Protein backbone atom coordinates (compact mmCIF):
# COMPACT_ATOMS: atom_id res chain seq x y z
CA MET A 1 15.36 25.68 19.64
CA ALA A 2 15.32 23.85 16.33
CA GLU A 3 12.33 21.78 17.51
CA GLU A 4 10.47 25.02 18.08
CA LYS A 5 11.15 26.08 14.50
CA LYS A 6 9.80 22.82 13.10
CA SER A 7 6.52 23.19 14.96
CA VAL A 8 5.74 26.55 13.37
CA ASP A 9 4.25 25.16 10.18
CA LYS A 10 4.77 21.42 10.33
CA PHE A 11 1.12 20.72 9.58
CA ASP A 12 -0.06 23.50 7.27
CA GLY A 13 2.19 22.86 4.26
CA PHE A 14 3.61 26.37 4.01
CA PRO A 15 7.40 26.86 3.82
CA THR A 16 9.49 28.39 6.59
CA VAL A 17 12.21 30.95 5.93
CA LEU A 18 14.76 31.94 8.57
CA PHE A 19 16.32 35.38 8.28
CA TYR A 20 19.00 36.45 10.71
CA ALA A 21 21.18 39.33 11.86
CA ARG A 22 24.65 39.11 10.37
CA GLU A 23 26.13 38.27 13.79
CA MET A 24 23.82 35.25 14.02
CA LYS A 25 24.76 33.51 10.76
CA LYS A 26 26.49 30.54 12.38
CA LEU A 27 23.61 29.88 14.76
CA ALA A 28 21.11 30.20 11.90
CA GLU A 29 23.03 27.58 9.92
CA GLU A 30 23.02 25.26 12.94
CA ILE A 31 19.26 25.70 13.29
CA GLN A 32 18.78 24.88 9.61
CA SER A 33 20.90 21.74 9.95
CA CYS A 34 18.56 20.50 12.70
CA SER A 35 15.42 20.92 10.59
CA LYS A 36 14.69 17.47 9.17
CA ASP A 37 10.97 16.68 8.96
CA HIS A 38 10.27 20.17 7.71
CA ARG A 39 13.27 21.92 6.23
CA ILE A 40 13.92 25.55 7.06
CA GLU A 41 15.28 27.70 4.26
CA LEU A 42 17.76 30.46 5.08
CA GLY A 43 16.89 33.93 3.86
CA ASP A 44 19.52 36.25 2.44
CA ILE A 45 19.78 39.84 3.64
CA GLU A 46 22.51 42.17 2.45
CA TRP A 47 23.49 44.42 5.34
CA LYS A 48 25.34 47.44 3.97
CA ALA A 49 25.60 51.12 4.92
CA PHE A 50 25.77 54.39 3.05
CA ALA A 51 28.76 56.71 3.39
CA ASP A 52 26.99 58.55 6.22
CA SER A 53 26.61 55.23 8.15
CA TRP A 54 22.85 54.93 7.70
CA PRO A 55 21.72 51.39 6.79
CA ASN A 56 21.45 50.27 3.18
CA ILE A 57 19.61 46.95 3.42
CA PHE A 58 18.40 44.62 0.68
CA ILE A 59 16.47 41.34 0.95
CA HIS A 60 17.46 38.97 -1.84
CA ASN A 61 14.71 36.74 -3.28
CA SER A 62 12.10 38.66 -1.33
CA GLU A 63 9.37 36.85 -3.27
CA GLN A 64 10.03 33.77 -1.11
CA ILE A 65 8.55 35.67 1.84
CA ARG A 66 5.07 35.64 0.31
CA HIS A 67 2.92 32.90 1.89
CA SER A 68 5.87 31.71 4.04
CA HIS A 69 6.23 31.50 7.79
CA VAL A 70 9.13 33.81 8.57
CA LEU A 71 11.54 33.53 11.49
CA PHE A 72 14.00 36.26 12.34
CA LEU A 73 16.98 35.50 14.58
CA ALA A 74 17.81 38.87 16.11
CA SER A 75 20.87 40.26 17.88
CA LEU A 76 20.07 43.62 19.45
CA HIS A 77 23.48 44.09 21.05
CA ASN A 78 23.99 47.77 20.19
CA PRO A 79 21.85 50.74 19.06
CA GLN A 80 23.14 50.66 15.46
CA THR A 81 22.10 47.05 14.92
CA ILE A 82 18.78 47.68 16.65
CA PHE A 83 17.78 50.30 14.10
CA GLU A 84 18.69 48.23 11.05
CA GLN A 85 16.99 45.10 12.36
CA ILE A 86 13.87 46.99 13.40
CA SER A 87 13.75 48.36 9.84
CA VAL A 88 13.73 44.81 8.47
CA LEU A 89 11.11 43.63 10.96
CA TYR A 90 8.79 46.46 10.00
CA HIS A 91 9.01 45.45 6.32
CA LEU A 92 8.71 41.65 6.48
CA PRO A 93 4.91 41.67 7.02
CA LYS A 94 4.57 44.09 4.09
CA TYR A 95 6.02 41.36 1.85
CA LEU A 96 2.99 39.24 2.84
CA CYS A 97 4.61 36.65 5.09
CA ARG A 98 2.09 34.26 6.58
CA SER A 99 3.45 34.71 10.08
CA LEU A 100 6.47 36.32 11.72
CA LYS A 101 8.30 35.04 14.76
CA VAL A 102 11.22 37.05 16.18
CA LEU A 103 13.74 35.04 18.19
CA LEU A 104 15.52 37.27 20.68
CA PRO A 105 18.19 35.45 22.74
CA TYR A 106 19.07 38.64 24.63
CA PHE A 107 16.91 41.62 25.58
CA PRO A 108 19.62 44.30 25.86
CA THR A 109 17.81 46.97 27.86
CA GLY A 110 16.41 44.51 30.39
CA THR A 111 18.46 45.84 33.31
CA MET A 112 16.99 49.32 32.84
CA GLU A 113 13.38 48.31 33.30
CA ARG A 114 12.36 50.67 36.10
CA ILE A 115 12.91 54.21 37.28
CA GLN A 116 14.43 54.55 40.74
CA ILE A 117 15.47 58.21 40.60
CA GLN A 118 13.49 61.06 39.06
CA GLY A 119 14.94 61.79 35.64
CA GLU A 120 15.98 58.24 34.74
CA ILE A 121 14.73 56.70 31.50
CA ALA A 122 13.42 53.13 31.42
CA THR A 123 14.92 52.14 28.07
CA ALA A 124 13.43 48.64 28.36
CA TYR A 125 10.02 50.23 27.85
CA SER A 126 11.28 52.21 24.84
CA LEU A 127 12.65 49.13 23.09
CA ALA A 128 9.51 47.15 23.89
CA GLN A 129 7.40 49.84 22.26
CA MET A 130 9.60 49.82 19.14
CA LEU A 131 9.15 46.06 18.81
CA SER A 132 5.43 46.41 19.49
CA SER A 133 5.12 48.46 16.30
CA ILE A 134 5.89 45.47 14.06
CA PRO A 135 2.90 45.32 11.66
CA LEU A 136 0.35 42.52 11.68
CA THR A 137 0.94 39.57 9.38
CA ARG A 138 -1.64 37.83 7.21
CA THR A 139 -2.62 35.54 10.07
CA GLY A 140 -2.39 37.95 12.97
CA PRO A 141 0.13 39.50 15.36
CA SER A 142 3.83 38.78 15.17
CA GLU A 143 5.36 36.77 18.01
CA ILE A 144 8.49 37.73 19.93
CA VAL A 145 10.27 34.92 21.77
CA ILE A 146 12.68 36.18 24.45
CA PHE A 147 15.05 33.83 26.25
CA ASP A 148 15.84 34.32 29.95
CA ILE A 149 14.72 37.93 30.16
CA HIS A 150 16.15 39.85 33.12
CA SER A 151 12.80 40.71 34.65
CA LEU A 152 9.42 39.09 34.02
CA GLN A 153 7.67 42.45 34.30
CA ASN A 154 9.27 43.51 31.00
CA GLN A 155 6.68 41.36 29.28
CA PHE A 156 4.04 43.95 30.13
CA TYR A 157 5.95 46.80 28.48
CA PHE A 158 4.89 45.44 25.10
CA SER A 159 1.56 46.43 23.57
CA SER A 160 -1.20 44.02 22.59
CA ASN A 161 -0.19 44.50 18.94
CA ILE A 162 2.24 41.58 19.30
CA ILE A 163 2.47 38.33 21.23
CA VAL A 164 5.34 37.99 23.71
CA ARG A 165 6.55 34.56 24.78
CA LEU A 166 9.16 34.21 27.50
CA GLU A 167 11.29 31.08 27.37
CA SER A 168 14.22 29.78 29.39
CA THR A 169 17.22 27.62 28.54
CA VAL A 170 17.72 26.49 32.15
CA GLU A 171 16.02 23.17 31.38
CA LEU A 172 18.67 22.53 28.70
CA LEU A 173 21.36 23.13 31.33
CA LEU A 174 19.70 20.71 33.73
CA GLU A 175 19.49 18.06 31.01
CA GLU A 176 23.20 18.51 30.31
CA LEU A 177 24.10 18.18 33.99
CA LYS A 178 22.12 14.94 34.24
CA LYS A 179 23.98 13.23 31.40
CA PRO A 180 25.95 10.12 32.49
CA GLU A 181 29.28 11.62 31.45
CA ASN A 182 28.73 14.49 33.91
CA GLN A 183 27.67 12.43 36.92
CA ASN A 184 31.19 12.20 38.36
CA GLU A 185 31.80 15.93 38.05
CA LYS A 186 31.14 18.51 40.76
CA TYR A 187 29.35 21.68 39.72
CA ALA A 188 28.34 24.84 41.54
CA ILE A 189 25.58 27.11 40.27
CA ALA A 190 26.46 30.82 40.33
CA PHE A 191 23.83 33.54 40.10
CA PRO A 192 24.89 37.06 39.04
CA ASP A 193 22.54 38.77 41.52
CA ASP A 194 19.69 38.23 43.98
CA GLY A 195 17.12 38.68 41.24
CA ALA A 196 18.51 35.78 39.23
CA HIS A 197 18.63 33.61 42.34
CA LYS A 198 15.02 34.39 43.25
CA ARG A 199 13.86 33.60 39.75
CA PHE A 200 15.86 30.46 38.95
CA GLY A 201 17.14 29.19 42.31
CA HIS A 202 14.16 26.89 42.86
CA MET A 203 15.11 24.93 39.72
CA PHE A 204 18.36 23.66 41.25
CA ASP A 205 18.53 21.20 44.12
CA GLU A 206 21.07 22.66 46.57
CA ARG A 207 21.78 19.15 47.83
CA ASN A 208 23.33 18.39 44.46
CA TYR A 209 24.65 21.79 43.39
CA PRO A 210 26.25 24.30 45.78
CA VAL A 211 24.90 27.78 45.14
CA VAL A 212 26.97 30.94 44.75
CA ILE A 213 25.19 34.31 44.81
CA CYS A 214 26.98 37.37 43.51
CA SER A 215 26.19 41.04 43.91
CA LYS A 216 26.87 43.98 41.65
CA ILE A 217 28.84 46.88 43.11
CA ARG A 218 28.55 50.29 41.48
CA GLN A 219 31.06 53.03 42.25
CA GLY A 220 30.43 55.93 39.92
CA ASP A 221 31.03 54.62 36.40
CA LEU A 222 32.84 51.54 37.68
CA ARG A 223 31.08 48.18 37.90
CA SER A 224 32.39 45.15 39.75
CA THR A 225 31.03 41.83 40.96
CA ALA A 226 31.56 40.33 44.40
CA ILE A 227 30.54 37.00 45.90
CA LYS A 228 27.76 37.66 48.38
CA GLU A 229 27.29 34.12 49.71
């Protein structure tokens, strides 16, 4: 991931600033520590709330945003954090950043991407439209990088106002498994459902890694996981 950050503006001479959700501070610091040829500066956002729980957010040293490539490491793990982070994302281009790239390790509404029963709401579409409203930067649309999204079709829920890039960390797992210190270990690859197996199963050689496929069982409000095969 750090290599991706370095490539953003390695050749154009403009600085790079990494802002982050408060839950992502440790990861942001690790990313900064990996930036060597082109150092990434960490931005400082004060995440507070008013007495009525509505966000009270302040970007310190906001002048550093001007003419900088801005990265935002997001964590949209609950509705409250989604609103406050969306608020920041809508404002960063207004501070004249050169470009904006949103790094989204987890797309939270990804499992509700389609309507199966009349009356259901596809919240994946709703969140995609909220992110699609991020304003243009000085050099064009913002870019949203999503890692291991639940369903590839979610990419098409976003509007053409932004650029969506889907990435996967499976290659990193494969590299780790191939390291010499892991050669004498036995590993099995477990997939949480058929969808995950269909999407990623071809990347694992079943001659080397036994495959376990799970299935989700829903009984009213209860959710459980069983081994299918």
